[in-house]
Amino acid sequence: MSAAVKHLEQAWGSEAKDTANDAKLTEYFDGEYLGKNNIDPHQLILKYNLSVVYALRQDFEKAQVSLDQVWNSFKKIPPRVAMVAIYLHLRQGNAKRAQDLALKHLSLLDPPSTLV
């Protein structure tokens, strides 16, 4: 489990800096993933970024609350949102829940070459 947490932490270092200008992230919050609701996609991006900041500051309870607000707005969970949820569950010692989320939401993705 610690290897998974370490890998996610390393990936987040560069990802956290790049999310503001990331067109793919905006696509997730504005495209096929978003459910039919009246929530502003920009507010969802802010809440997602807030959950990442809380996680980086190791305030996992606040990160989870913020991420839950984002999670419930999607009809299909974007991979980045699922990865934050997996990270939070791993850091909170809930490996089974993290594994279940990974299998459900990331099983169709190609694994990065660094994990193989």
N, C-alpha and C. Protein backbone atom coordinates (compact mmCIF):
# COMPACT_ATOMS: atom_id res chain seq x y z
N MET A 1 0.83 -1.19 0.00
CA MET A 1 0.00 0.00 0.00
C MET A 1 0.87 1.25 0.00
N SER A 2 1.98 1.27 0.72
CA SER A 2 2.80 2.46 0.77
C SER A 2 3.40 2.80 -0.59
N ALA A 3 3.66 1.79 -1.41
CA ALA A 3 4.18 2.05 -2.76
C ALA A 3 3.13 2.77 -3.60
N ALA A 4 1.87 2.40 -3.44
CA ALA A 4 0.79 3.07 -4.18
C ALA A 4 0.65 4.51 -3.74
N VAL A 5 0.71 4.75 -2.43
CA VAL A 5 0.61 6.11 -1.91
C VAL A 5 1.78 6.95 -2.42
N LYS A 6 2.98 6.39 -2.37
CA LYS A 6 4.17 7.11 -2.83
C LYS A 6 4.05 7.48 -4.31
N HIS A 7 3.58 6.53 -5.12
CA HIS A 7 3.42 6.79 -6.55
C HIS A 7 2.42 7.92 -6.79
N LEU A 8 1.28 7.88 -6.09
CA LEU A 8 0.27 8.91 -6.28
C LEU A 8 0.78 10.27 -5.81
N GLU A 9 1.54 10.29 -4.70
CA GLU A 9 2.09 11.55 -4.21
C GLU A 9 3.06 12.16 -5.22
N GLN A 10 3.90 11.32 -5.84
CA GLN A 10 4.84 11.81 -6.83
C GLN A 10 4.11 12.35 -8.05
N ALA A 11 3.08 11.66 -8.48
CA ALA A 11 2.30 12.10 -9.64
C ALA A 11 1.59 13.41 -9.34
N TRP A 12 1.14 13.59 -8.11
CA TRP A 12 0.41 14.80 -7.75
C TRP A 12 1.29 16.02 -7.74
N GLY A 13 2.57 15.86 -7.44
CA GLY A 13 3.46 17.01 -7.39
C GLY A 13 3.41 17.81 -8.67
N SER A 14 3.49 17.14 -9.80
CA SER A 14 3.45 17.86 -11.08
C SER A 14 2.02 18.14 -11.51
N GLU A 15 1.09 17.25 -11.18
CA GLU A 15 -0.29 17.44 -11.62
C GLU A 15 -0.93 18.65 -10.95
N ALA A 16 -0.65 18.86 -9.68
CA ALA A 16 -1.26 19.97 -8.97
C ALA A 16 -0.88 21.30 -9.59
N LYS A 17 0.32 21.39 -10.13
CA LYS A 17 0.77 22.63 -10.75
C LYS A 17 0.14 22.86 -12.12
N ASP A 18 -0.24 21.79 -12.78
CA ASP A 18 -0.71 21.88 -14.16
C ASP A 18 -2.22 21.93 -14.32
N THR A 19 -2.99 21.72 -13.25
CA THR A 19 -4.44 21.60 -13.42
C THR A 19 -5.12 22.89 -13.86
N ALA A 20 -4.56 24.02 -13.51
CA ALA A 20 -5.22 25.29 -13.86
C ALA A 20 -5.32 25.49 -15.37
N ASN A 21 -4.34 25.01 -16.12
CA ASN A 21 -4.32 25.21 -17.57
C ASN A 21 -4.59 23.92 -18.34
N ASP A 22 -5.13 22.95 -17.70
CA ASP A 22 -5.29 21.64 -18.31
C ASP A 22 -6.64 21.54 -19.02
N ALA A 23 -6.61 21.47 -20.34
CA ALA A 23 -7.84 21.37 -21.13
C ALA A 23 -8.56 20.06 -20.88
N LYS A 24 -7.81 18.98 -20.62
CA LYS A 24 -8.42 17.67 -20.38
C LYS A 24 -9.26 17.71 -19.10
N LEU A 25 -8.77 18.36 -18.07
CA LEU A 25 -9.52 18.49 -16.83
C LEU A 25 -10.83 19.23 -17.09
N THR A 26 -10.77 20.32 -17.82
CA THR A 26 -11.96 21.08 -18.15
C THR A 26 -12.95 20.22 -18.93
N GLU A 27 -12.43 19.40 -19.83
CA GLU A 27 -13.29 18.50 -20.61
C GLU A 27 -14.05 17.54 -19.69
N TYR A 28 -13.36 17.01 -18.69
CA TYR A 28 -14.02 16.10 -17.74
C TYR A 28 -15.17 16.78 -17.02
N PHE A 29 -14.99 18.06 -16.70
CA PHE A 29 -15.98 18.77 -15.92
C PHE A 29 -17.02 19.45 -16.80
N ASP A 30 -16.92 19.27 -18.10
CA ASP A 30 -17.85 19.96 -18.99
C ASP A 30 -18.40 19.04 -20.07
N GLY A 31 -17.89 17.83 -20.17
CA GLY A 31 -18.25 16.95 -21.27
C GLY A 31 -19.17 15.82 -20.87
N GLU A 32 -18.87 14.65 -21.43
CA GLU A 32 -19.73 13.48 -21.26
C GLU A 32 -19.81 12.98 -19.82
N TYR A 33 -18.85 13.33 -18.98
CA TYR A 33 -18.81 12.83 -17.62
C TYR A 33 -19.84 13.50 -16.72
N LEU A 34 -20.11 14.75 -16.98
CA LEU A 34 -20.97 15.53 -16.11
C LEU A 34 -22.42 15.14 -16.27
N GLY A 35 -23.10 14.98 -15.15
CA GLY A 35 -24.51 14.64 -15.17
C GLY A 35 -25.36 15.83 -15.57
N LYS A 36 -26.61 15.56 -15.76
CA LYS A 36 -27.55 16.63 -16.13
C LYS A 36 -28.00 17.34 -14.85
N ASN A 37 -27.30 18.40 -14.52
CA ASN A 37 -27.67 19.19 -13.34
C ASN A 37 -27.31 20.64 -13.60
N ASN A 38 -27.62 21.48 -12.65
CA ASN A 38 -27.40 22.92 -12.82
C ASN A 38 -26.10 23.40 -12.17
N ILE A 39 -25.17 22.50 -11.90
CA ILE A 39 -23.94 22.88 -11.24
C ILE A 39 -22.96 23.44 -12.27
N ASP A 40 -22.38 24.58 -11.94
CA ASP A 40 -21.40 25.22 -12.80
C ASP A 40 -20.13 24.37 -12.84
N PRO A 41 -19.68 23.96 -14.03
CA PRO A 41 -18.45 23.16 -14.13
C PRO A 41 -17.24 23.82 -13.49
N HIS A 42 -17.19 25.15 -13.51
CA HIS A 42 -16.07 25.85 -12.90
C HIS A 42 -16.07 25.69 -11.38
N GLN A 43 -17.25 25.64 -10.79
CA GLN A 43 -17.34 25.39 -9.35
C GLN A 43 -16.85 23.98 -9.02
N LEU A 44 -17.16 23.04 -9.89
CA LEU A 44 -16.69 21.67 -9.67
C LEU A 44 -15.17 21.59 -9.75
N ILE A 45 -14.59 22.32 -10.69
CA ILE A 45 -13.13 22.33 -10.80
C ILE A 45 -12.51 22.92 -9.54
N LEU A 46 -13.10 23.99 -9.04
CA LEU A 46 -12.59 24.59 -7.81
C LEU A 46 -12.71 23.62 -6.63
N LYS A 47 -13.82 22.92 -6.53
CA LYS A 47 -13.99 21.96 -5.44
C LYS A 47 -13.03 20.77 -5.59
N TYR A 48 -12.81 20.34 -6.82
CA TYR A 48 -11.83 19.28 -7.06
C TYR A 48 -10.44 19.74 -6.63
N ASN A 49 -10.05 20.94 -7.07
CA ASN A 49 -8.74 21.48 -6.70
C ASN A 49 -8.63 21.67 -5.19
N LEU A 50 -9.71 22.08 -4.56
CA LEU A 50 -9.71 22.23 -3.11
C LEU A 50 -9.48 20.88 -2.42
N SER A 51 -10.11 19.84 -2.93
CA SER A 51 -9.90 18.52 -2.33
C SER A 51 -8.45 18.07 -2.49
N VAL A 52 -7.83 18.41 -3.63
CA VAL A 52 -6.42 18.07 -3.84
C VAL A 52 -5.54 18.84 -2.86
N VAL A 53 -5.83 20.12 -2.67
CA VAL A 53 -5.04 20.93 -1.74
C VAL A 53 -5.19 20.38 -0.32
N TYR A 54 -6.40 20.07 0.10
CA TYR A 54 -6.59 19.49 1.44
C TYR A 54 -5.81 18.18 1.58
N ALA A 55 -5.84 17.36 0.55
CA ALA A 55 -5.11 16.09 0.60
C ALA A 55 -3.61 16.32 0.72
N LEU A 56 -3.10 17.28 -0.05
CA LEU A 56 -1.66 17.58 0.02
C LEU A 56 -1.28 18.13 1.38
N ARG A 57 -2.21 18.78 2.06
CA ARG A 57 -1.95 19.30 3.40
C ARG A 57 -2.28 18.25 4.47
N GLN A 58 -2.64 17.06 4.02
CA GLN A 58 -2.96 15.91 4.87
C GLN A 58 -4.19 16.15 5.75
N ASP A 59 -5.11 16.96 5.27
CA ASP A 59 -6.40 17.14 5.93
C ASP A 59 -7.40 16.29 5.16
N PHE A 60 -7.34 14.98 5.39
CA PHE A 60 -8.07 14.02 4.57
C PHE A 60 -9.58 14.09 4.77
N GLU A 61 -10.02 14.49 5.96
CA GLU A 61 -11.46 14.60 6.20
C GLU A 61 -12.07 15.71 5.35
N LYS A 62 -11.43 16.88 5.32
CA LYS A 62 -11.93 17.99 4.50
C LYS A 62 -11.80 17.65 3.02
N ALA A 63 -10.71 16.96 2.67
CA ALA A 63 -10.53 16.56 1.26
C ALA A 63 -11.67 15.64 0.83
N GLN A 64 -12.07 14.72 1.69
CA GLN A 64 -13.13 13.78 1.36
C GLN A 64 -14.47 14.49 1.21
N VAL A 65 -14.74 15.44 2.10
CA VAL A 65 -16.00 16.19 2.03
C VAL A 65 -16.08 16.96 0.70
N SER A 66 -14.99 17.63 0.35
CA SER A 66 -14.96 18.39 -0.90
C SER A 66 -15.09 17.47 -2.11
N LEU A 67 -14.38 16.35 -2.06
CA LEU A 67 -14.43 15.41 -3.19
C LEU A 67 -15.82 14.77 -3.33
N ASP A 68 -16.48 14.51 -2.21
CA ASP A 68 -17.83 13.94 -2.27
C ASP A 68 -18.79 14.86 -3.01
N GLN A 69 -18.64 16.16 -2.83
CA GLN A 69 -19.49 17.12 -3.54
C GLN A 69 -19.25 17.03 -5.05
N VAL A 70 -18.00 16.85 -5.43
CA VAL A 70 -17.66 16.71 -6.84
C VAL A 70 -18.17 15.37 -7.37
N TRP A 71 -17.88 14.31 -6.63
CA TRP A 71 -18.21 12.94 -7.04
C TRP A 71 -19.69 12.81 -7.38
N ASN A 72 -20.53 13.39 -6.55
CA ASN A 72 -21.98 13.24 -6.73
C ASN A 72 -22.54 14.02 -7.91
N SER A 73 -21.71 14.80 -8.58
CA SER A 73 -22.16 15.60 -9.72
C SER A 73 -21.93 14.92 -11.06
N PHE A 74 -21.30 13.75 -11.03
CA PHE A 74 -20.96 13.07 -12.27
C PHE A 74 -21.84 11.86 -12.53
N LYS A 75 -22.12 11.63 -13.80
CA LYS A 75 -22.78 10.39 -14.17
C LYS A 75 -21.73 9.32 -14.47
N LYS A 76 -20.54 9.75 -14.87
CA LYS A 76 -19.40 8.87 -15.11
C LYS A 76 -18.20 9.53 -14.44
N ILE A 77 -17.51 8.82 -13.56
CA ILE A 77 -16.43 9.40 -12.78
C ILE A 77 -15.17 9.53 -13.62
N PRO A 78 -14.64 10.76 -13.76
CA PRO A 78 -13.38 10.95 -14.50
C PRO A 78 -12.22 10.26 -13.77
N PRO A 79 -11.24 9.77 -14.51
CA PRO A 79 -10.11 9.08 -13.89
C PRO A 79 -9.40 9.91 -12.82
N ARG A 80 -9.22 11.20 -13.03
CA ARG A 80 -8.53 12.02 -12.04
C ARG A 80 -9.31 12.12 -10.74
N VAL A 81 -10.60 12.20 -10.82
CA VAL A 81 -11.43 12.26 -9.62
C VAL A 81 -11.35 10.92 -8.89
N ALA A 82 -11.41 9.83 -9.65
CA ALA A 82 -11.29 8.50 -9.05
C ALA A 82 -9.93 8.32 -8.38
N MET A 83 -8.87 8.84 -8.99
CA MET A 83 -7.53 8.70 -8.41
C MET A 83 -7.41 9.46 -7.09
N VAL A 84 -8.03 10.61 -7.00
CA VAL A 84 -8.00 11.35 -5.73
C VAL A 84 -8.75 10.56 -4.67
N ALA A 85 -9.90 10.01 -5.03
CA ALA A 85 -10.67 9.21 -4.08
C ALA A 85 -9.87 7.99 -3.61
N ILE A 86 -9.20 7.33 -4.54
CA ILE A 86 -8.38 6.16 -4.20
C ILE A 86 -7.27 6.58 -3.25
N TYR A 87 -6.60 7.67 -3.56
CA TYR A 87 -5.53 8.18 -2.70
C TYR A 87 -6.03 8.45 -1.29
N LEU A 88 -7.17 9.12 -1.20
CA LEU A 88 -7.72 9.44 0.13
C LEU A 88 -8.02 8.19 0.92
N HIS A 89 -8.60 7.20 0.26
CA HIS A 89 -8.90 5.95 0.97
C HIS A 89 -7.64 5.22 1.39
N LEU A 90 -6.62 5.24 0.55
CA LEU A 90 -5.35 4.61 0.92
C LEU A 90 -4.72 5.31 2.12
N ARG A 91 -4.73 6.62 2.10
CA ARG A 91 -4.13 7.39 3.21
C ARG A 91 -4.89 7.22 4.51
N GLN A 92 -6.16 6.91 4.40
CA GLN A 92 -6.98 6.72 5.59
C GLN A 92 -7.02 5.25 6.02
N GLY A 93 -6.23 4.41 5.35
CA GLY A 93 -6.11 3.01 5.74
C GLY A 93 -7.23 2.11 5.23
N ASN A 94 -7.99 2.57 4.26
CA ASN A 94 -9.09 1.78 3.73
C ASN A 94 -8.71 1.20 2.37
N ALA A 95 -7.79 0.24 2.41
CA ALA A 95 -7.25 -0.34 1.17
C ALA A 95 -8.31 -1.07 0.36
N LYS A 96 -9.24 -1.74 1.02
CA LYS A 96 -10.28 -2.48 0.31
C LYS A 96 -11.16 -1.54 -0.51
N ARG A 97 -11.56 -0.43 0.08
CA ARG A 97 -12.39 0.55 -0.63
C ARG A 97 -11.61 1.16 -1.80
N ALA A 98 -10.32 1.44 -1.57
CA ALA A 98 -9.48 1.98 -2.64
C ALA A 98 -9.38 0.99 -3.80
N GLN A 99 -9.20 -0.28 -3.47
CA GLN A 99 -9.11 -1.31 -4.50
C GLN A 99 -10.43 -1.42 -5.27
N ASP A 100 -11.54 -1.39 -4.57
CA ASP A 100 -12.85 -1.46 -5.23
C ASP A 100 -13.05 -0.29 -6.20
N LEU A 101 -12.67 0.92 -5.75
CA LEU A 101 -12.80 2.09 -6.63
C LEU A 101 -11.90 1.97 -7.85
N ALA A 102 -10.68 1.49 -7.66
CA ALA A 102 -9.75 1.32 -8.78
C ALA A 102 -10.29 0.33 -9.79
N LEU A 103 -10.80 -0.77 -9.31
CA LEU A 103 -11.34 -1.79 -10.22
C LEU A 103 -12.57 -1.29 -10.96
N LYS A 104 -13.39 -0.52 -10.29
CA LYS A 104 -14.62 -0.05 -10.91
C LYS A 104 -14.38 1.12 -11.89
N HIS A 105 -13.52 2.06 -11.51
CA HIS A 105 -13.40 3.29 -12.28
C HIS A 105 -12.13 3.40 -13.13
N LEU A 106 -11.14 2.57 -12.88
CA LEU A 106 -9.89 2.67 -13.63
C LEU A 106 -9.54 1.41 -14.38
N SER A 107 -10.39 0.43 -14.37
CA SER A 107 -10.06 -0.86 -14.97
C SER A 107 -9.90 -0.80 -16.48
N LEU A 108 -10.47 0.19 -17.13
CA LEU A 108 -10.37 0.28 -18.58
C LEU A 108 -9.18 1.10 -19.05
N LEU A 109 -8.44 1.68 -18.11
CA LEU A 109 -7.29 2.50 -18.48
C LEU A 109 -6.05 1.66 -18.63
N ASP A 110 -5.17 2.06 -19.54
CA ASP A 110 -3.89 1.40 -19.67
C ASP A 110 -3.01 1.80 -18.50
N PRO A 111 -2.32 0.83 -17.87
CA PRO A 111 -1.46 1.20 -16.75
C PRO A 111 -0.25 2.00 -17.22
N PRO A 112 0.16 2.99 -16.44
CA PRO A 112 1.36 3.74 -16.81
C PRO A 112 2.58 2.83 -16.81
N SER A 113 3.53 3.11 -17.67
CA SER A 113 4.71 2.26 -17.78
C SER A 113 5.51 2.22 -16.49
N THR A 114 5.38 3.23 -15.63
CA THR A 114 6.14 3.26 -14.39
C THR A 114 5.61 2.26 -13.37
N LEU A 115 4.38 1.79 -13.54
CA LEU A 115 3.80 0.84 -12.60
C LEU A 115 3.98 -0.60 -13.06
N VAL A 116 4.35 -0.81 -14.31
CA VAL A 116 4.47 -2.15 -14.85
C VAL A 116 5.83 -2.72 -14.58
